[in-house]
Protein backbone atom coordinates (compact mmCIF):
# COMPACT_ATOMS: atom_id res chain seq x y z
CA UNK A 1 -4.35 -105.66 40.87
CA UNK A 2 -1.68 -107.39 42.88
CA UNK A 3 1.53 -109.19 42.11
CA UNK A 4 0.01 -112.68 41.58
CA UNK A 5 -2.79 -111.27 39.39
CA UNK A 6 -0.30 -109.85 36.91
CA UNK A 7 1.44 -113.21 36.58
CA UNK A 8 -1.88 -114.95 36.02
CA UNK A 9 -2.62 -112.52 33.18
CA UNK A 10 0.73 -113.41 31.55
CA UNK A 11 -0.06 -117.11 31.86
CA UNK A 12 -3.20 -116.46 29.81
CA UNK A 13 -1.75 -113.98 27.31
CA UNK A 14 1.61 -115.62 26.44
CA UNK A 15 1.59 -119.16 27.83
CA UNK A 16 4.33 -120.57 25.59
CA UNK A 17 6.66 -117.58 25.70
CA UNK A 18 9.92 -118.45 27.51
CA UNK A 19 10.01 -117.05 31.03
CA UNK A 20 13.22 -118.50 32.47
CA UNK A 21 16.19 -120.33 30.99
CA UNK A 22 18.40 -122.11 33.52
CA UNK A 23 21.23 -124.56 32.77
CA UNK A 24 19.77 -125.42 29.37
CA UNK A 25 16.19 -125.80 30.62
CA UNK A 26 13.63 -123.41 29.10
CA UNK A 27 10.55 -122.79 31.22
CA UNK A 28 7.47 -121.18 29.65
CA UNK A 29 5.18 -118.75 31.43
CA UNK A 30 2.48 -121.40 31.58
CA UNK A 31 4.84 -123.94 33.13
CA UNK A 32 6.19 -121.40 35.61
CA UNK A 33 2.70 -120.42 36.71
CA UNK A 34 1.39 -123.97 36.95
CA UNK A 35 4.30 -124.82 39.22
CA UNK A 36 3.72 -121.65 41.24
CA UNK A 37 0.04 -122.46 41.79
CA UNK A 38 1.04 -125.98 42.81
CA UNK A 39 3.41 -124.55 45.42
CA UNK A 40 0.65 -122.23 46.63
CA UNK A 41 -1.76 -125.13 47.09
CA UNK A 42 0.93 -127.22 48.76
CA UNK A 43 1.68 -124.47 51.27
CA UNK A 44 -2.00 -124.12 52.12
CA UNK A 45 -2.20 -127.88 52.72
CA UNK A 46 0.60 -127.64 55.28
CA UNK A 47 -1.84 -125.78 57.50
CA UNK A 48 0.48 -122.88 58.31
CA UNK A 49 -0.92 -119.54 59.40
CA UNK A 50 -1.73 -116.71 57.00
CA UNK A 51 1.23 -114.31 56.55
CA UNK A 52 3.72 -116.87 57.88
CA UNK A 53 7.27 -116.51 56.55
CA UNK A 54 8.45 -119.09 54.02
CA UNK A 55 12.25 -119.18 54.24
CA UNK A 56 14.42 -119.88 51.20
CA UNK A 57 18.09 -120.88 51.47
CA UNK A 58 19.52 -121.82 48.07
CA UNK A 59 21.49 -120.47 45.16
CA UNK A 60 19.63 -119.04 42.17
CA UNK A 61 17.28 -121.49 40.47
CA UNK A 62 13.79 -121.41 38.87
CA UNK A 63 12.33 -122.96 42.01
CA UNK A 64 12.80 -119.65 43.82
CA UNK A 65 10.23 -118.02 41.52
CA UNK A 66 7.79 -120.88 41.96
CA UNK A 67 8.11 -120.53 45.74
CA UNK A 68 7.98 -116.72 45.73
CA UNK A 69 4.99 -116.40 43.39
CA UNK A 70 3.21 -119.34 45.02
CA UNK A 71 3.73 -117.97 48.51
CA UNK A 72 2.51 -114.50 47.57
CA UNK A 73 -0.60 -116.00 45.92
CA UNK A 74 -1.47 -117.81 49.15
CA UNK A 75 -0.83 -114.81 51.44
CA UNK A 76 2.56 -115.95 52.75
CA UNK A 77 5.81 -113.97 52.64
CA UNK A 78 9.08 -115.33 51.26
CA UNK A 79 12.10 -114.70 53.47
CA UNK A 80 15.26 -114.97 51.39
CA UNK A 81 18.27 -116.01 53.47
CA UNK A 82 21.79 -115.02 52.45
CA UNK A 83 23.47 -118.31 51.56
CA UNK A 84 26.91 -116.87 52.21
CA UNK A 85 26.20 -116.70 55.93
CA UNK A 86 27.68 -119.15 58.40
CA UNK A 87 25.47 -121.67 60.17
CA UNK A 88 25.06 -119.68 63.41
CA UNK A 89 24.03 -116.60 61.39
CA UNK A 90 21.47 -118.64 59.41
CA UNK A 91 20.15 -120.02 62.70
CA UNK A 92 19.76 -116.53 64.12
CA UNK A 93 17.75 -115.35 61.09
CA UNK A 94 15.51 -118.42 60.93
CA UNK A 95 14.71 -118.23 64.64
CA UNK A 96 14.09 -114.49 64.56
CA UNK A 97 11.84 -114.87 61.52
CA UNK A 98 9.73 -117.44 63.40
CA UNK A 99 8.83 -119.25 60.21
CA UNK A 100 7.51 -122.80 60.12
CA UNK A 101 8.63 -123.78 56.62
CA UNK A 102 12.09 -123.79 55.05
CA UNK A 103 13.02 -124.53 51.44
CA UNK A 104 16.70 -125.47 51.18
CA UNK A 105 19.00 -126.25 48.24
CA UNK A 106 21.42 -129.18 48.22
CA UNK A 107 24.50 -127.01 48.74
CA UNK A 108 23.13 -126.08 52.16
CA UNK A 109 21.82 -129.40 53.42
CA UNK A 110 24.89 -129.71 55.70
CA UNK A 111 24.34 -126.20 57.05
CA UNK A 112 20.76 -126.95 58.08
CA UNK A 113 21.59 -130.42 59.38
CA UNK A 114 24.17 -128.84 61.71
CA UNK A 115 21.66 -126.39 63.23
CA UNK A 116 18.43 -128.37 62.82
CA UNK A 117 18.09 -129.28 66.50
CA UNK A 118 18.30 -125.58 67.43
CA UNK A 119 15.60 -124.38 65.03
CA UNK A 120 12.80 -123.22 67.31
CA UNK A 121 9.93 -122.81 64.87
CA UNK A 122 10.65 -124.90 61.76
CA UNK A 123 8.09 -127.68 61.24
CA UNK A 124 8.58 -128.37 57.53
CA UNK A 125 11.93 -128.64 55.74
CA UNK A 126 11.54 -129.06 52.00
CA UNK A 127 14.58 -130.22 50.02
CA UNK A 128 14.54 -128.31 46.72
CA UNK A 129 16.90 -130.76 45.03
CA UNK A 130 15.45 -133.84 46.71
CA UNK A 131 17.67 -136.74 47.74
CA UNK A 132 17.36 -136.27 51.49
CA UNK A 133 16.36 -139.16 53.73
CA UNK A 134 14.21 -137.16 56.15
CA UNK A 135 13.06 -133.96 54.51
CA UNK A 136 10.19 -133.43 52.07
CA UNK A 137 11.15 -133.92 48.40
CA UNK A 138 10.25 -130.63 46.67
CA UNK A 139 9.37 -131.94 43.21
CA UNK A 140 7.24 -134.83 44.48
CA UNK A 141 5.45 -132.55 46.95
CA UNK A 142 4.83 -129.88 44.32
CA UNK A 143 3.67 -132.18 41.54
CA UNK A 144 0.88 -133.79 43.56
CA UNK A 145 -0.85 -130.41 43.99
CA UNK A 146 -3.51 -128.76 41.84
CA UNK A 147 -2.33 -126.55 38.96
CA UNK A 148 -5.18 -124.08 39.53
CA UNK A 149 -4.56 -120.84 41.38
CA UNK A 150 -6.02 -121.10 44.88
CA UNK A 151 -8.85 -118.77 45.86
CA UNK A 152 -7.14 -116.70 48.51
CA UNK A 153 -8.12 -113.11 49.27
CA UNK A 154 -5.03 -110.89 49.19
CA UNK A 155 -4.69 -107.52 50.88
CA UNK A 156 -2.49 -104.60 49.87
CA UNK A 157 -0.82 -104.57 53.27
CA UNK A 158 0.06 -108.28 53.10
CA UNK A 159 3.79 -108.91 53.22
CA UNK A 160 5.11 -110.79 50.20
CA UNK A 161 8.85 -110.46 50.86
CA UNK A 162 11.07 -110.28 53.88
CA UNK A 163 14.61 -109.43 52.82
CA UNK A 164 17.47 -108.80 55.16
CA UNK A 165 19.69 -105.74 55.24
CA UNK A 166 23.27 -106.40 54.32
CA UNK A 167 24.48 -106.04 57.86
CA UNK A 168 27.54 -103.88 57.07
CA UNK A 169 27.18 -102.22 60.47
CA UNK A 170 25.55 -104.87 62.62
CA UNK A 171 23.03 -107.68 62.65
CA UNK A 172 20.78 -107.92 59.56
CA UNK A 173 17.24 -106.54 59.96
CA UNK A 174 14.23 -108.15 58.29
CA UNK A 175 12.66 -105.67 55.87
CA UNK A 176 8.92 -106.22 55.34
CA UNK A 177 7.82 -105.47 51.76
CA UNK A 178 4.15 -105.59 50.84
CA UNK A 179 1.84 -106.46 47.98
CA UNK A 180 0.81 -102.86 47.34
CA UNK A 181 4.34 -101.62 47.90
CA UNK A 182 5.62 -103.83 45.12
CA UNK A 183 2.81 -102.77 42.80
CA UNK A 184 3.77 -99.14 43.47
CA UNK A 185 7.46 -99.89 42.96
CA UNK A 186 6.70 -101.82 39.76
CA UNK A 187 4.79 -98.82 38.41
CA UNK A 188 7.68 -96.54 39.38
CA UNK A 189 10.17 -98.70 37.45
CA UNK A 190 7.93 -98.47 34.40
CA UNK A 191 6.85 -94.83 34.71
CA UNK A 192 10.49 -93.74 35.13
CA UNK A 193 11.47 -95.66 31.97
CA UNK A 194 13.82 -97.88 33.91
CA UNK A 195 12.39 -101.31 33.11
CA UNK A 196 9.68 -100.41 30.60
CA UNK A 197 10.61 -103.40 28.41
CA UNK A 198 8.42 -105.74 26.36
CA UNK A 199 8.45 -109.53 25.75
CA UNK A 200 11.26 -109.20 23.20
CA UNK A 201 13.73 -108.29 25.98
CA UNK A 202 16.17 -110.89 27.29
CA UNK A 203 17.72 -110.31 30.71
CA UNK A 204 20.59 -112.08 32.42
CA UNK A 205 20.58 -112.33 36.21
CA UNK A 206 23.54 -113.36 38.36
CA UNK A 207 22.56 -111.31 41.40
CA UNK A 208 21.52 -113.48 44.37
CA UNK A 209 17.79 -113.77 44.87
CA UNK A 210 18.00 -112.82 48.54
CA UNK A 211 19.01 -109.33 47.34
CA UNK A 212 16.57 -106.62 46.23
CA UNK A 213 18.56 -106.07 43.01
CA UNK A 214 18.31 -109.75 42.10
CA UNK A 215 14.56 -109.69 42.82
CA UNK A 216 13.80 -106.50 40.89
CA UNK A 217 15.86 -107.29 37.79
CA UNK A 218 14.02 -110.60 37.43
CA UNK A 219 10.51 -110.07 38.78
CA UNK A 220 9.87 -106.72 37.08
CA UNK A 221 11.04 -107.92 33.62
CA UNK A 222 9.04 -111.14 34.08
CA UNK A 223 5.96 -109.06 34.87
CA UNK A 224 6.58 -107.29 31.55
CA UNK A 225 6.67 -110.65 29.78
CA UNK A 226 10.43 -110.67 29.21
CA UNK A 227 12.77 -113.69 29.17
CA UNK A 228 15.25 -114.25 32.03
CA UNK A 229 18.53 -116.14 31.62
CA UNK A 230 19.25 -117.15 35.20
CA UNK A 231 22.67 -118.18 36.49
CA UNK A 232 23.20 -119.91 39.83
CA UNK A 233 26.00 -117.49 40.71
CA UNK A 234 28.54 -115.15 39.18
CA UNK A 235 31.35 -116.49 37.00
CA UNK A 236 32.95 -113.88 34.72
CA UNK A 237 33.65 -116.20 31.79
CA UNK A 238 30.19 -117.81 31.87
CA UNK A 239 28.51 -114.42 32.11
CA UNK A 240 30.44 -113.04 29.13
CA UNK A 241 29.64 -116.13 27.08
CA UNK A 242 25.95 -115.73 27.87
CA UNK A 243 25.95 -112.03 27.02
CA UNK A 244 27.27 -112.98 23.60
CA UNK A 245 25.71 -116.37 22.80
CA UNK A 246 22.27 -115.80 24.32
CA UNK A 247 21.87 -112.36 22.70
CA UNK A 248 21.25 -110.71 26.06
CA UNK A 249 19.64 -107.27 25.77
CA UNK A 250 19.72 -106.16 29.44
CA UNK A 251 21.89 -106.96 32.46
CA UNK A 252 22.49 -105.78 36.03
CA UNK A 253 25.88 -106.01 37.73
CA UNK A 254 27.39 -104.46 40.83
CA UNK A 255 30.58 -102.49 40.10
CA UNK A 256 32.81 -105.26 41.50
CA UNK A 257 31.31 -107.64 38.92
CA UNK A 258 31.88 -105.20 36.07
CA UNK A 259 35.49 -104.91 37.14
CA UNK A 260 35.88 -108.71 37.14
CA UNK A 261 34.30 -108.94 33.68
CA UNK A 262 36.77 -106.39 32.33
CA UNK A 263 39.68 -108.38 33.77
CA UNK A 264 38.63 -111.59 31.97
CA UNK A 265 41.39 -112.21 29.36
CA UNK A 266 39.08 -112.56 26.33
CA UNK A 267 36.51 -109.93 27.28
CA UNK A 268 37.11 -107.95 24.07
CA UNK A 269 36.84 -110.99 21.79
CA UNK A 270 33.08 -111.55 22.15
CA UNK A 271 30.06 -110.06 20.37
CA UNK A 272 27.93 -107.85 22.61
CA UNK A 273 25.95 -106.23 19.80
CA UNK A 274 22.58 -107.37 21.26
CA UNK A 275 23.25 -105.66 24.59
CA UNK A 276 21.07 -102.55 24.87
CA UNK A 277 21.45 -101.50 28.51
CA UNK A 278 23.71 -102.42 31.39
CA UNK A 279 22.35 -101.45 34.80
CA UNK A 280 24.68 -101.01 37.73
CA UNK A 281 24.30 -100.03 41.36
CA UNK A 282 24.55 -101.16 45.02
CA UNK A 283 27.98 -99.56 45.54
CA UNK A 284 30.07 -96.74 44.04
CA UNK A 285 31.81 -97.24 40.69
CA UNK A 286 35.00 -95.53 39.63
CA UNK A 287 34.92 -93.39 36.53
CA UNK A 288 37.80 -95.32 34.98
CA UNK A 289 35.90 -98.64 35.25
CA UNK A 290 32.75 -97.08 33.82
CA UNK A 291 34.60 -95.57 30.87
CA UNK A 292 36.34 -98.87 30.07
CA UNK A 293 33.05 -100.77 30.34
CA UNK A 294 31.51 -98.37 27.84
CA UNK A 295 34.32 -99.05 25.40
CA UNK A 296 34.01 -102.83 25.76
CA UNK A 297 30.25 -103.37 25.81
CA UNK A 298 29.16 -100.49 23.59
CA UNK A 299 25.71 -100.20 25.13
CA UNK A 300 23.74 -97.73 27.20
CA UNK A 301 24.46 -97.57 30.92
CA UNK A 302 21.99 -96.77 33.67
CA UNK A 303 22.84 -96.38 37.33
CA UNK A 304 20.17 -97.36 39.85
CA UNK A 305 20.38 -96.09 43.40
CA UNK A 306 18.19 -97.57 46.09
CA UNK A 307 18.02 -99.86 49.09
CA UNK A 308 16.03 -102.84 50.29
CA UNK A 309 13.91 -100.52 52.44
CA UNK A 310 12.71 -98.57 49.38
CA UNK A 311 12.26 -101.51 47.01
CA UNK A 312 15.54 -100.61 45.32
CA UNK A 313 14.46 -97.35 43.74
CA UNK A 314 15.41 -93.83 44.78
CA UNK A 315 17.02 -92.41 41.65
CA UNK A 316 18.45 -93.25 38.24
CA UNK A 317 21.27 -91.83 36.16
CA UNK A 318 19.88 -92.13 32.64
CA UNK A 319 21.97 -93.24 29.64
CA UNK A 320 22.06 -89.73 28.17
CA UNK A 321 23.49 -88.42 31.44
CA UNK A 322 26.51 -90.73 31.06
CA UNK A 323 27.77 -88.65 28.14
CA UNK A 324 31.30 -87.36 28.98
CA UNK A 325 30.31 -83.77 28.30
CA UNK A 326 27.65 -83.90 31.00
CA UNK A 327 30.24 -84.45 33.79
CA UNK A 328 27.71 -86.48 35.76
CA UNK A 329 29.48 -89.82 36.15
CA UNK A 330 29.88 -89.19 39.88
CA UNK A 331 26.14 -88.61 40.25
CA UNK A 332 23.52 -91.28 40.96
CA UNK A 333 20.99 -89.36 38.91
CA UNK A 334 17.69 -87.66 39.57
CA UNK A 335 15.12 -88.88 42.11
CA UNK A 336 12.42 -91.11 40.64
CA UNK A 337 9.21 -89.42 39.56
CA UNK A 338 6.51 -90.08 42.14
CA UNK A 339 8.93 -89.64 45.02
CA UNK A 340 10.24 -86.69 46.99
CA UNK A 341 13.85 -86.31 48.12
CA UNK A 342 15.42 -83.77 50.43
CA UNK A 343 18.85 -83.27 52.02
CA UNK A 344 18.91 -82.49 55.72
CA UNK A 345 21.48 -81.65 58.37
CA UNK A 346 21.86 -83.39 61.75
CA UNK A 347 18.96 -81.38 63.15
CA UNK A 348 16.60 -82.28 60.30
CA UNK A 349 16.79 -78.89 58.59
CA UNK A 350 16.56 -78.93 54.80
CA UNK A 351 19.83 -77.87 53.22
CA UNK A 352 20.27 -75.76 50.09
CA UNK A 353 21.66 -77.21 46.86
CA UNK A 354 25.34 -77.99 47.04
CA UNK A 355 25.47 -78.69 50.78
CA UNK A 356 26.07 -82.25 52.02
CA UNK A 357 23.61 -83.88 54.39
CA UNK A 358 21.54 -87.04 54.75
CA UNK A 359 19.16 -88.13 51.97
CA UNK A 360 15.53 -88.46 53.06
CA UNK A 361 12.92 -90.08 50.81
CA UNK A 362 9.15 -89.96 50.73
CA UNK A 363 7.28 -92.27 48.32
CA UNK A 364 4.57 -94.94 48.14
CA UNK A 365 7.21 -97.68 48.05
CA UNK A 366 8.77 -97.64 51.51
CA UNK A 367 9.16 -100.63 53.82
CA UNK A 368 6.22 -101.41 56.08
CA UNK A 369 8.55 -102.04 59.01
CA UNK A 370 11.55 -103.93 60.26
CA UNK A 371 10.49 -107.35 61.51
CA UNK A 372 9.93 -107.32 65.27
CA UNK A 373 11.96 -104.12 65.60
CA UNK A 374 9.70 -101.13 66.29
CA UNK A 375 12.55 -98.96 67.57
CA UNK A 376 14.58 -99.28 64.35
CA UNK A 377 11.40 -98.80 62.30
CA UNK A 378 10.51 -95.59 64.11
CA UNK A 379 14.04 -94.30 63.64
CA UNK A 380 14.28 -95.00 59.92
CA UNK A 381 10.75 -93.64 59.23
CA UNK A 382 10.93 -90.66 61.56
CA UNK A 383 8.73 -87.75 60.54
CA UNK A 384 7.15 -89.73 57.70
CA UNK A 385 10.41 -89.82 55.70
CA UNK A 386 12.70 -92.77 55.01
CA UNK A 387 16.16 -91.90 56.39
CA UNK A 388 18.70 -93.46 54.03
CA UNK A 389 21.85 -92.95 56.08
CA UNK A 390 23.58 -91.78 52.90
CA UNK A 391 25.35 -88.43 52.74
CA UNK A 392 24.84 -86.45 49.53
CA UNK A 393 24.02 -83.13 47.97
CA UNK A 394 21.66 -82.00 45.21
CA UNK A 395 22.95 -79.77 42.44
CA UNK A 396 20.95 -77.02 40.77
CA UNK A 397 19.66 -79.41 38.08
CA UNK A 398 18.30 -81.82 40.70
CA UNK A 399 21.02 -84.48 40.38
CA UNK A 400 22.04 -86.38 43.49
CA UNK A 401 25.73 -86.72 44.31
CA UNK A 402 26.41 -89.27 47.03
CA UNK A 403 29.50 -88.64 49.07
CA UNK A 404 29.30 -91.74 51.27
CA UNK A 405 27.43 -93.29 54.16
CA UNK A 406 26.89 -90.71 56.90
CA UNK A 407 28.52 -93.03 59.40
CA UNK A 408 31.53 -93.70 57.12
CA UNK A 409 32.53 -90.05 57.05
CA UNK A 410 36.08 -89.48 58.31
CA UNK A 411 36.75 -86.40 60.43
CA UNK A 412 40.42 -85.49 60.25
CA UNK A 413 41.69 -82.23 61.69
CA UNK A 414 38.14 -80.89 61.75
CA UNK A 415 37.64 -81.58 58.03
CA UNK A 416 34.93 -83.98 56.80
CA UNK A 417 36.25 -86.49 54.26
CA UNK A 418 34.08 -89.08 52.52
CA UNK A 419 35.85 -92.35 51.63
CA UNK A 420 34.19 -92.68 48.23
CA UNK A 421 35.80 -89.47 47.00
CA UNK A 422 39.27 -90.66 48.04
CA UNK A 423 38.64 -94.13 46.62
CA UNK A 424 37.66 -92.69 43.25
CA UNK A 425 40.92 -90.72 43.13
CA UNK A 426 43.16 -93.62 44.13
CA UNK A 427 41.31 -96.09 41.92
CA UNK A 428 41.99 -93.99 38.84
CA UNK A 429 45.62 -95.18 38.92
CA UNK A 430 46.13 -97.77 36.16
CA UNK A 431 47.88 -100.26 38.47
CA UNK A 432 45.18 -100.26 41.17
CA UNK A 433 42.18 -102.53 40.65
CA UNK A 434 40.38 -102.06 43.97
CA UNK A 435 40.56 -99.78 46.98
CA UNK A 436 38.79 -99.05 50.24
CA UNK A 437 39.41 -96.02 52.43
CA UNK A 438 38.93 -95.97 56.20
CA UNK A 439 39.64 -93.68 59.11
CA UNK A 440 42.08 -94.92 61.74
CA UNK A 441 43.00 -93.39 65.15
CA UNK A 442 45.38 -90.45 65.10
CA UNK A 443 46.40 -88.63 68.28
CA UNK A 444 46.96 -85.35 66.49
CA UNK A 445 44.18 -85.29 63.90
CA UNK A 446 41.55 -87.51 65.55
CA UNK A 447 41.48 -89.76 62.49
CA UNK A 448 43.91 -90.22 59.64
CA UNK A 449 43.06 -91.60 56.23
CA UNK A 450 44.24 -95.08 55.27
CA UNK A 451 43.75 -96.70 51.84
CA UNK A 452 43.54 -100.50 51.58
CA UNK A 453 44.74 -101.21 48.05
CA UNK A 454 44.56 -104.19 45.69
CA UNK A 455 47.17 -103.95 42.94
CA UNK A 456 46.79 -105.23 39.41
CA UNK A 457 48.60 -108.61 39.06
CA UNK A 458 52.29 -108.02 38.38
CA UNK A 459 52.15 -104.33 39.29
CA UNK A 460 54.55 -102.77 41.76
CA UNK A 461 53.73 -99.56 43.59
CA UNK A 462 55.09 -98.19 46.82
CA UNK A 463 53.12 -96.49 49.55
CA UNK A 464 54.84 -93.23 48.74
CA UNK A 465 53.96 -93.45 45.05
CA UNK A 466 50.26 -94.02 45.76
CA UNK A 467 50.06 -91.17 48.24
CA UNK A 468 51.86 -88.83 45.83
CA UNK A 469 49.50 -89.84 43.02
CA UNK A 470 46.42 -89.27 45.17
CA UNK A 471 47.63 -85.77 45.97
CA UNK A 472 47.59 -84.97 42.25
CA UNK A 473 43.89 -85.90 42.12
CA UNK A 474 42.41 -84.46 45.34
CA UNK A 475 43.22 -81.96 48.07
CA UNK A 476 46.15 -82.89 50.28
CA UNK A 477 44.04 -83.21 53.45
CA UNK A 478 41.88 -85.82 51.67
CA UNK A 479 44.80 -87.92 50.39
CA UNK A 480 45.69 -91.14 52.27
CA UNK A 481 48.37 -90.85 54.92
CA UNK A 482 49.11 -94.58 54.86
CA UNK A 483 48.54 -97.59 52.60
CA UNK A 484 47.78 -101.24 53.30
CA UNK A 485 48.36 -103.68 50.43
CA UNK A 486 45.83 -106.54 50.55
CA UNK A 487 44.89 -109.38 48.13
CA UNK A 488 41.17 -108.52 48.02
CA UNK A 489 38.61 -106.37 49.78
CA UNK A 490 35.99 -107.86 52.08
CA UNK A 491 32.56 -107.31 50.57
CA UNK A 492 29.02 -108.36 51.31
CA UNK A 493 26.92 -110.15 48.65
CA UNK A 494 25.72 -106.87 47.14
CA UNK A 495 29.31 -105.74 46.59
CA UNK A 496 29.45 -103.21 49.40
CA UNK A 497 32.80 -102.93 51.13
CA UNK A 498 32.77 -104.20 54.72
CA UNK A 499 34.65 -101.27 56.17
CA UNK A 500 34.05 -102.43 59.72
CA UNK A 501 36.24 -105.47 59.04
CA UNK A 502 39.02 -103.22 57.77
CA UNK A 503 38.62 -100.79 60.66
CA UNK A 504 38.40 -103.34 63.46
CA UNK A 505 42.12 -103.99 64.05
CA UNK A 506 42.89 -100.30 64.33
CA UNK A 507 40.07 -99.40 66.73
CA UNK A 508 40.24 -102.52 68.93
CA UNK A 509 41.96 -100.72 71.80
CA UNK A 510 39.88 -97.55 71.60
CA UNK A 511 36.64 -96.72 73.36
CA UNK A 512 35.09 -95.30 70.20
CA UNK A 513 34.89 -96.66 66.69
CA UNK A 514 35.22 -93.45 64.73
């Protein structure tokens, strides 16, 4: 049974149950599926080739699910485009994807108009919100199609999603995710008791739907018959109101979002008694933020560690492992059942517990390939293992402790220092709300450690005070040697710090970047 089959079963078993609520509009499972089948039939009528990419450039809305489900039911793959990208970057992705059809939201009409003459493969531009003089009106186009699911034979190896890597270290790569891969990942989420919810569950999603976290924390609950409260984008006050007023039971936020929620002035004045579990992931979280979030929201917490290339699931830190006495808040949990994880050195040798190396993963939910990039595919899947690029160690209980990205490691005076460890120490200061640590050139030590710090509004700290504080938390050689005070950190849409932007000014005149 494939992705579209499971949705068809829900249409039959709970047609009137709410599937998605968006800006006051409640959409039932029957309505969602009728619209999805209409999109599927409309795409087939366009005469595009089987397994073509259907690009989507818009903020979160119910139409994404109609397009995604409809495309997968007609053997096309949805390519979600990061709407925070600039026009030239969008152009690069659309041309590299070679897709013939683009769905675009009204906020991005100007972006597409500016690059339209340079789009090499686009034949059909469909305006999701209508009101465009030249492009196809989405609602009119959809509503003239049949509401019956088209009879299309689907294969397990068919791509259903093409998501793009965050591009923290270079140009984004298109990650091909398949029908069978998503079925396997779906089963892993359920079998590992991560998203084994029932139709009584109510999720909120503010994660962008071009991101694997936004996809998983909506599609998997929907496939379980749950109700999704969808927001176009993140706004701390609106999110907190929804958590309270809409009786949300489950939510996913990146750590930067949790931090912004905690800074909202009236965060402690709302009722979060319906909230059962708050998922977090995509980037490291400081212990101080996690502890405060536990006090405020009073629910279970579950950390999810994964990447686009592995359908977002490598490991989980279960609620019971968040107990203070377990001393596991710096862990990302145990590898998911059904997968195999090992830690290797630079030569590929498996390391014993406690030694830091790269995480390798083997499972039935690994990317098929990078789009039109066989070299990168071969590298990331070398030896039949997915190479994560993350540096970590396993303890004797089987818990993973991520130190940082392998490439982000700082080598100072022959010592290996991982930025995340330094960031956690600096961030524990009450007057510091955000921090990123980078290595900068140093003639004596090779690299020295610099912390880029965001202070709490109204706080005053000197460089000397921060460095002295850090030395009370970690070894002296790991403490920052210099501090930059900045208004905010550059991050990508998944909340990951763009260290290359912070590093660039310091390495501009050097032949190497680390």
